[in-house]
Amino acid sequence: MPLFMDIHIVEDGAFNEIAAREGHREDLAVQDKYGVRNIKYFLNLSEKKIFCLMEAADKKACVDMHLSAHGIGACNVIEVSSEIDFNAFFGEGSKDENDMALTSSGEIDTGYRTLMMVSLIDFSGNNGKHLDEIRRLIRQYQGSNINQPNDYITTSFIHASDAIACCLAVSRWLRSLSLNIDYTMALVTGKPVDEVGSEFFGEAQERLQMLCRLGGNRTVHIDTDTKALLQIDFNKSDAENGMVKLVSNGDFNLFETLWKTLEFQISNADFKSEDLNKTLGLSKAQAYRKIKALTGMSPNVLIREMRLRRSLEALKENNKTVAEIAYELGFNSPTYFTRVFRNRYKELPTTFAKLHSA
């Protein structure tokens, strides 16, 4: 049967582990009536959230079971796609005799995970070797690799401290290489089911994508939720030298507007920083200050950088000419695109395409 997961937000200030266990027993008492099999539940007492993992014929059966058991349904129920490696996100955890999820070390599993994403552009021809070393570091810091249909490396960590230690270790290693390598990295902590939406770790993965695509080169972006979970401060020198940037929830609003605007306008050769400023509702000075603080780039440079990063993806696919890619991404001419590409990456577009051809 399909796999489902839901989220319950508890209003009771006195909510505790005993109350969660009793609620689960009430679900078990009626599950057969609705053809549901409750597998286990994840408990985050500090956030007053419960995530129930179930098998059922459909979403309605999950909703009806909870309504029958408690008189109130979940805030949201999503189907966990069969294409998703559930254990890659959660690790090889277990459960106690009451079906409460436990981590591999026996702690109560909150369901929250810190996700790391690495976007690596390697012009040296050693991409496979470098990816192997990154994956070795991920294993060293207890990370679980998540297979995704793109070139990004995505990893899940139970503990934020392991995630940030791994992230900084990978970044420092990449910086130590005297090679032509670009990378962006991001850490975001999130929950498996959001109050709205239908994707597994939907908000967290969306934020990771935005940070990796919009973030400055050779920079680690860390959301403040991840920072708040750390037992100790990360090395302040990493932030001071530009290696680490903290991103607040308010910052994500600007990131989202930037992301949607640039995605929509990427092929518009007439789209300039003035148009971006208007979309953001900011003056030229305000837009420059905010965008520079978030991405390390001025508005003009950010627009050009996004077009160039998209060109790398198109060149890897190797099914379009340089001229087609240039015009599709808003460059005025293939000659101008080639010049800008070479200035930025020290390589010709055709050289990069050949490097990544099968």
Protein backbone atom coordinates (compact mmCIF):
# COMPACT_ATOMS: atom_id res chain seq x y z
CA MET A 1 0.00 0.00 0.00
CA PRO A 2 1.08 3.62 -0.48
CA LEU A 3 3.00 5.35 2.29
CA PHE A 4 1.60 8.51 3.92
CA MET A 5 2.85 10.93 6.52
CA ASP A 6 0.98 13.66 8.37
CA ILE A 7 1.63 16.53 10.74
CA HIS A 8 -0.27 17.31 13.95
CA ILE A 9 0.28 20.61 15.77
CA VAL A 10 -0.72 20.28 19.42
CA GLU A 11 -2.27 23.28 21.16
CA ASP A 12 -2.24 21.80 24.68
CA GLY A 13 0.49 23.47 26.72
CA ALA A 14 0.75 20.40 28.97
CA PHE A 15 1.37 18.06 26.01
CA ASN A 16 3.97 15.41 26.78
CA GLU A 17 5.28 12.00 25.77
CA ILE A 18 2.51 10.18 27.68
CA ALA A 19 -0.21 12.13 25.87
CA ALA A 20 1.41 11.36 22.50
CA ARG A 21 1.52 7.66 23.34
CA GLU A 22 -2.16 7.67 24.34
CA GLY A 23 -3.12 9.43 21.12
CA HIS A 24 -1.32 6.78 19.12
CA ARG A 25 -3.18 4.01 20.99
CA GLU A 26 -6.45 5.66 19.99
CA ASP A 27 -5.33 5.55 16.36
CA LEU A 28 -4.45 1.85 16.66
CA ALA A 29 -7.90 1.11 18.10
CA VAL A 30 -9.66 2.23 14.92
CA GLN A 31 -7.06 1.72 12.19
CA ASP A 32 -8.45 -1.61 10.93
CA LYS A 33 -11.84 -0.03 10.30
CA TYR A 34 -10.25 2.34 7.78
CA GLY A 35 -7.68 -0.03 6.30
CA VAL A 36 -4.76 1.91 7.75
CA ARG A 37 -1.56 0.52 9.25
CA ASN A 38 0.17 2.92 11.64
CA ILE A 39 3.91 2.27 11.39
CA LYS A 40 5.44 4.76 13.84
CA TYR A 41 5.26 8.36 14.92
CA PHE A 42 7.91 11.05 15.30
CA LEU A 43 7.64 13.33 18.33
CA ASN A 44 8.99 16.86 18.63
CA LEU A 45 7.96 18.06 22.08
CA SER A 46 9.68 21.45 21.89
CA GLU A 47 7.78 22.33 18.71
CA LYS A 48 4.62 20.47 19.86
CA LYS A 49 4.44 18.54 16.59
CA ILE A 50 3.78 14.88 15.80
CA PHE A 51 4.41 13.21 12.44
CA CYS A 52 2.62 9.89 11.84
CA LEU A 53 3.89 7.41 9.27
CA MET A 54 1.16 5.16 7.85
CA GLU A 55 0.25 2.79 5.07
CA ALA A 56 -3.23 3.22 3.59
CA ALA A 57 -5.20 2.88 0.39
CA ASP A 58 -5.48 6.64 0.04
CA LYS A 59 -5.18 9.95 1.90
CA LYS A 60 -8.87 9.99 2.84
CA ALA A 61 -8.47 6.82 4.87
CA CYS A 62 -5.74 8.50 6.97
CA VAL A 63 -7.89 11.58 7.54
CA ASP A 64 -10.99 9.56 8.47
CA MET A 65 -9.03 7.39 10.90
CA HIS A 66 -7.74 10.42 12.85
CA LEU A 67 -11.17 12.05 12.87
CA SER A 68 -12.69 8.88 14.28
CA ALA A 69 -9.96 8.49 16.90
CA HIS A 70 -9.68 12.10 18.08
CA GLY A 71 -12.50 14.11 16.56
CA ILE A 72 -9.88 16.19 14.79
CA GLY A 73 -7.76 15.43 11.76
CA ALA A 74 -4.15 16.15 10.92
CA CYS A 75 -3.11 19.63 9.74
CA ASN A 76 -1.81 18.09 6.52
CA VAL A 77 -1.33 14.62 5.03
CA ILE A 78 1.02 13.87 2.14
CA GLU A 79 1.76 10.76 0.15
CA VAL A 80 5.41 9.77 0.28
CA SER A 81 6.27 9.00 -3.33
CA SER A 82 7.65 5.55 -4.01
CA GLU A 83 10.48 7.30 -5.88
CA ILE A 84 11.70 8.80 -2.58
CA ASP A 85 14.21 6.83 -0.53
CA PHE A 86 12.57 7.29 2.87
CA ASN A 87 15.49 5.82 4.79
CA ALA A 88 17.93 8.17 3.06
CA PHE A 89 16.15 11.09 4.72
CA PHE A 90 15.60 9.48 8.11
CA GLY A 91 18.43 6.99 8.46
CA GLU A 92 18.15 3.49 9.84
CA GLY A 93 16.16 4.35 12.95
CA SER A 94 13.92 2.06 14.97
CA LYS A 95 10.92 2.43 17.29
CA ASP A 96 10.03 1.54 20.85
CA GLU A 97 7.28 -0.82 22.02
CA ASN A 98 4.76 2.00 21.60
CA ASP A 99 5.76 2.77 17.98
CA MET A 100 7.52 6.02 18.88
CA ALA A 101 10.38 6.59 16.41
CA LEU A 102 13.92 6.41 17.74
CA THR A 103 17.19 7.41 16.14
CA SER A 104 19.95 4.84 15.65
CA SER A 105 21.44 6.00 18.96
CA GLY A 106 18.15 5.40 20.82
CA GLU A 107 17.02 9.03 21.18
CA ILE A 108 13.43 10.15 20.53
CA ASP A 109 13.32 11.01 16.84
CA THR A 110 11.84 14.48 16.29
CA GLY A 111 11.37 13.94 12.54
CA TYR A 112 13.29 17.14 11.82
CA ARG A 113 16.39 16.82 9.69
CA THR A 114 19.19 19.14 8.63
CA LEU A 115 19.65 18.92 4.89
CA MET A 116 22.85 19.85 3.10
CA MET A 117 23.12 20.61 -0.60
CA VAL A 118 26.31 21.02 -2.62
CA SER A 119 26.41 22.42 -6.14
CA LEU A 120 29.81 21.67 -7.68
CA ILE A 121 31.05 22.97 -11.04
CA ASP A 122 34.37 21.34 -11.86
CA PHE A 123 36.41 22.60 -14.82
CA SER A 124 39.40 20.41 -13.99
CA GLY A 125 38.15 17.13 -15.42
CA ASN A 126 38.33 15.43 -12.01
CA ASN A 127 34.65 15.73 -11.14
CA GLY A 128 34.20 12.05 -10.26
CA LYS A 129 37.23 12.02 -7.96
CA HIS A 130 36.08 15.16 -6.16
CA LEU A 131 32.54 13.86 -5.72
CA ASP A 132 33.93 10.66 -4.19
CA GLU A 133 35.87 12.68 -1.61
CA ILE A 134 32.80 14.75 -0.75
CA ARG A 135 30.77 11.58 -0.22
CA ARG A 136 33.55 10.18 1.99
CA LEU A 137 33.36 13.28 4.18
CA ILE A 138 29.58 12.95 4.31
CA ARG A 139 29.89 9.40 5.63
CA GLN A 140 32.53 10.52 8.13
CA TYR A 141 30.08 13.02 9.62
CA GLN A 142 27.13 10.57 9.77
CA GLY A 143 25.33 11.99 6.75
CA SER A 144 22.97 10.00 4.53
CA ASN A 145 23.17 10.68 0.80
CA ILE A 146 19.84 11.33 -0.95
CA ASN A 147 19.70 10.41 -4.61
CA GLN A 148 18.16 13.29 -6.58
CA PRO A 149 17.51 13.66 -10.34
CA ASN A 150 20.01 16.51 -10.71
CA ASP A 151 23.70 17.31 -10.32
CA TYR A 152 23.37 18.50 -6.74
CA ILE A 153 24.60 16.43 -3.81
CA THR A 154 21.86 16.33 -1.18
CA THR A 155 22.46 14.86 2.28
CA SER A 156 20.38 14.38 5.41
CA PHE A 157 21.70 14.65 8.99
CA ILE A 158 19.95 13.84 12.25
CA HIS A 159 22.09 16.32 14.18
CA ALA A 160 22.72 19.90 13.04
CA SER A 161 26.17 19.77 14.62
CA ASP A 162 27.19 16.91 12.30
CA ALA A 163 25.73 18.76 9.33
CA ILE A 164 27.61 21.99 9.90
CA ALA A 165 30.86 20.18 10.70
CA CYS A 166 30.54 18.25 7.44
CA CYS A 167 29.58 21.33 5.46
CA LEU A 168 32.57 23.31 6.68
CA ALA A 169 34.93 20.35 6.16
CA VAL A 170 33.78 19.98 2.54
CA SER A 171 34.06 23.72 1.93
CA ARG A 172 37.55 23.94 3.40
CA TRP A 173 38.70 20.96 1.35
CA LEU A 174 37.32 22.42 -1.88
CA ARG A 175 38.96 25.76 -1.10
CA SER A 176 42.30 24.01 -0.60
CA LEU A 177 42.31 22.66 -4.16
CA SER A 178 44.36 24.76 -6.58
CA LEU A 179 41.93 23.99 -9.38
CA ASN A 180 39.25 25.80 -11.35
CA ILE A 181 36.26 24.80 -9.21
CA ASP A 182 33.10 26.68 -8.33
CA TYR A 183 30.70 25.59 -5.61
CA THR A 184 27.82 26.77 -3.50
CA MET A 185 26.60 25.03 -0.36
CA ALA A 186 23.56 25.34 1.87
CA LEU A 187 22.24 23.94 5.15
CA VAL A 188 18.54 24.08 6.03
CA THR A 189 16.73 22.42 8.92
CA GLY A 190 13.13 21.44 8.30
CA LYS A 191 10.29 19.05 8.95
CA PRO A 192 9.13 16.14 6.77
CA VAL A 193 5.57 17.49 6.39
CA ASP A 194 4.72 21.18 6.25
CA GLU A 195 1.41 22.72 7.26
CA VAL A 196 0.64 23.19 3.56
CA GLY A 197 2.03 21.56 0.45
CA SER A 198 2.36 17.99 -0.80
CA GLU A 199 6.12 17.39 -1.03
CA PHE A 200 8.26 15.44 1.40
CA PHE A 201 10.50 17.97 3.23
CA GLY A 202 9.00 20.38 0.71
CA GLU A 203 9.84 23.75 2.26
CA ALA A 204 13.33 22.66 3.33
CA GLN A 205 14.20 21.34 -0.13
CA GLU A 206 12.83 24.44 -1.84
CA ARG A 207 14.94 26.65 0.40
CA LEU A 208 18.03 24.53 -0.28
CA GLN A 209 17.52 24.92 -4.02
CA MET A 210 17.16 28.69 -3.75
CA LEU A 211 20.27 29.08 -1.62
CA CYS A 212 22.41 26.88 -3.85
CA ARG A 213 21.22 28.53 -7.05
CA LEU A 214 21.38 32.12 -5.80
CA GLY A 215 24.20 31.89 -3.27
CA GLY A 216 27.60 33.41 -3.82
CA ASN A 217 30.41 31.26 -5.17
CA ARG A 218 32.49 29.36 -2.58
CA THR A 219 30.05 30.31 0.15
CA VAL A 220 28.10 28.26 2.70
CA HIS A 221 24.59 29.53 3.46
CA ILE A 222 23.12 28.35 6.76
CA ASP A 223 19.58 29.08 7.91
CA THR A 224 19.11 30.42 11.43
CA ASP A 225 17.01 27.36 12.43
CA THR A 226 20.09 25.20 11.89
CA LYS A 227 22.32 27.64 13.76
CA ALA A 228 19.89 27.64 16.71
CA LEU A 229 20.24 23.85 17.09
CA LEU A 230 24.00 23.90 17.46
CA GLN A 231 25.47 23.03 20.83
CA ILE A 232 28.49 25.27 20.17
CA ASP A 233 29.17 28.25 17.94
CA PHE A 234 30.80 27.61 14.61
CA ASN A 235 34.13 29.31 14.06
CA LYS A 236 33.37 33.02 13.79
CA SER A 237 36.31 33.47 11.45
CA ASP A 238 34.40 31.43 8.88
CA ALA A 239 31.66 34.06 8.87
CA GLU A 240 34.12 36.93 8.95
CA ASN A 241 36.06 35.76 5.90
CA GLY A 242 32.89 35.33 3.87
CA MET A 243 32.86 31.54 3.95
CA VAL A 244 29.59 31.39 5.92
CA LYS A 245 26.43 33.47 5.60
CA LEU A 246 23.49 33.12 8.00
CA VAL A 247 20.04 33.37 6.43
CA SER A 248 17.02 34.39 8.52
CA ASN A 249 13.40 33.51 7.82
CA GLY A 250 12.90 37.08 6.68
CA ASP A 251 15.80 36.73 4.24
CA PHE A 252 14.04 33.79 2.61
CA ASN A 253 11.20 36.07 1.55
CA LEU A 254 13.65 38.12 -0.50
CA PHE A 255 15.38 34.98 -1.80
CA GLU A 256 12.02 33.62 -2.97
CA THR A 257 11.12 36.84 -4.80
CA LEU A 258 14.56 36.95 -6.42
CA TRP A 259 14.32 33.31 -7.42
CA LYS A 260 10.85 33.56 -8.99
CA THR A 261 11.65 36.82 -10.76
CA LEU A 262 14.92 35.63 -12.25
CA GLU A 263 13.40 32.32 -13.32
CA PHE A 264 10.63 34.18 -15.15
CA GLN A 265 12.90 36.81 -16.70
CA ILE A 266 15.97 34.68 -17.48
CA SER A 267 15.39 34.73 -21.25
CA ASN A 268 14.47 38.42 -21.41
CA ALA A 269 17.52 40.24 -22.78
CA ASP A 270 15.96 43.58 -21.83
CA PHE A 271 15.62 42.66 -18.15
CA LYS A 272 18.05 44.80 -16.16
CA SER A 273 18.77 45.57 -12.52
CA GLU A 274 16.36 48.52 -12.63
CA ASP A 275 13.54 46.12 -13.45
CA LEU A 276 14.59 43.86 -10.60
CA ASN A 277 14.59 46.79 -8.18
CA LYS A 278 11.02 47.69 -9.21
CA THR A 279 9.85 44.11 -8.72
CA LEU A 280 11.32 44.11 -5.21
CA GLY A 281 9.78 47.51 -4.47
CA LEU A 282 13.18 48.87 -3.44
CA SER A 283 15.24 51.85 -4.39
CA LYS A 284 18.50 51.30 -6.26
CA ALA A 285 20.52 51.77 -3.07
CA GLN A 286 18.25 49.51 -0.99
CA ALA A 287 18.25 46.74 -3.60
CA TYR A 288 22.02 46.87 -3.93
CA ARG A 289 22.54 46.69 -0.17
CA LYS A 290 20.07 43.85 0.45
CA ILE A 291 21.06 41.70 -2.54
CA LYS A 292 24.77 42.20 -1.90
CA ALA A 293 24.34 41.21 1.75
CA LEU A 294 22.44 38.03 0.87
CA THR A 295 24.30 36.80 -2.21
CA GLY A 296 27.62 38.63 -2.17
CA MET A 297 26.74 40.01 -5.62
CA SER A 298 25.36 43.30 -6.91
CA PRO A 299 22.00 43.10 -8.76
CA ASN A 300 23.67 43.36 -12.18
CA VAL A 301 26.21 40.67 -11.33
CA LEU A 302 23.50 38.43 -9.87
CA ILE A 303 21.42 38.58 -13.07
CA ARG A 304 24.47 37.74 -15.18
CA GLU A 305 25.55 35.00 -12.78
CA MET A 306 22.15 33.31 -12.90
CA ARG A 307 22.24 33.28 -16.69
CA LEU A 308 25.74 31.82 -16.66
CA ARG A 309 24.83 29.13 -14.13
CA ARG A 310 21.85 28.13 -16.25
CA SER A 311 24.16 28.01 -19.28
CA LEU A 312 26.32 25.44 -17.48
CA GLU A 313 23.29 23.18 -17.06
CA ALA A 314 22.34 23.61 -20.72
CA LEU A 315 25.90 22.94 -21.92
CA LYS A 316 26.03 19.74 -19.87
CA GLU A 317 22.92 18.47 -21.63
CA ASN A 318 24.82 18.95 -24.88
CA ASN A 319 21.72 19.04 -27.11
CA LYS A 320 21.81 22.72 -28.14
CA THR A 321 24.30 24.96 -29.85
CA VAL A 322 26.12 27.72 -28.01
CA ALA A 323 24.11 30.26 -30.01
CA GLU A 324 20.78 28.68 -29.01
CA ILE A 325 21.78 28.67 -25.35
CA ALA A 326 22.96 32.27 -25.51
CA TYR A 327 19.71 33.62 -26.94
CA GLU A 328 17.51 31.46 -24.68
CA LEU A 329 19.25 32.87 -21.61
CA GLY A 330 18.96 36.54 -22.52
CA PHE A 331 22.42 37.22 -23.92
CA ASN A 332 22.39 39.68 -26.82
CA SER A 333 24.69 37.58 -28.99
CA PRO A 334 26.67 34.31 -28.92
CA THR A 335 29.88 36.37 -29.14
CA TYR A 336 28.99 38.35 -26.02
CA PHE A 337 27.95 35.17 -24.20
CA THR A 338 31.25 33.47 -25.05
CA ARG A 339 33.24 36.49 -23.85
CA VAL A 340 31.34 36.73 -20.55
CA PHE A 341 31.54 32.95 -20.03
CA ARG A 342 35.30 32.94 -20.58
CA ASN A 343 35.86 35.91 -18.29
CA ARG A 344 33.88 34.18 -15.55
CA TYR A 345 35.04 30.56 -15.86
CA LYS A 346 38.40 30.84 -17.70
CA GLU A 347 37.07 28.36 -20.26
CA LEU A 348 35.17 28.53 -23.53
CA PRO A 349 31.57 27.22 -23.51
CA THR A 350 32.50 24.63 -26.12
CA THR A 351 35.38 23.37 -23.96
CA PHE A 352 33.07 22.95 -20.98
CA ALA A 353 30.50 21.12 -23.13
CA LYS A 354 33.15 18.69 -24.42
CA LEU A 355 34.43 18.08 -20.89
CA HIS A 356 30.96 16.88 -19.84
CA SER A 357 29.99 15.05 -23.04
CA ALA A 358 29.46 11.32 -22.69
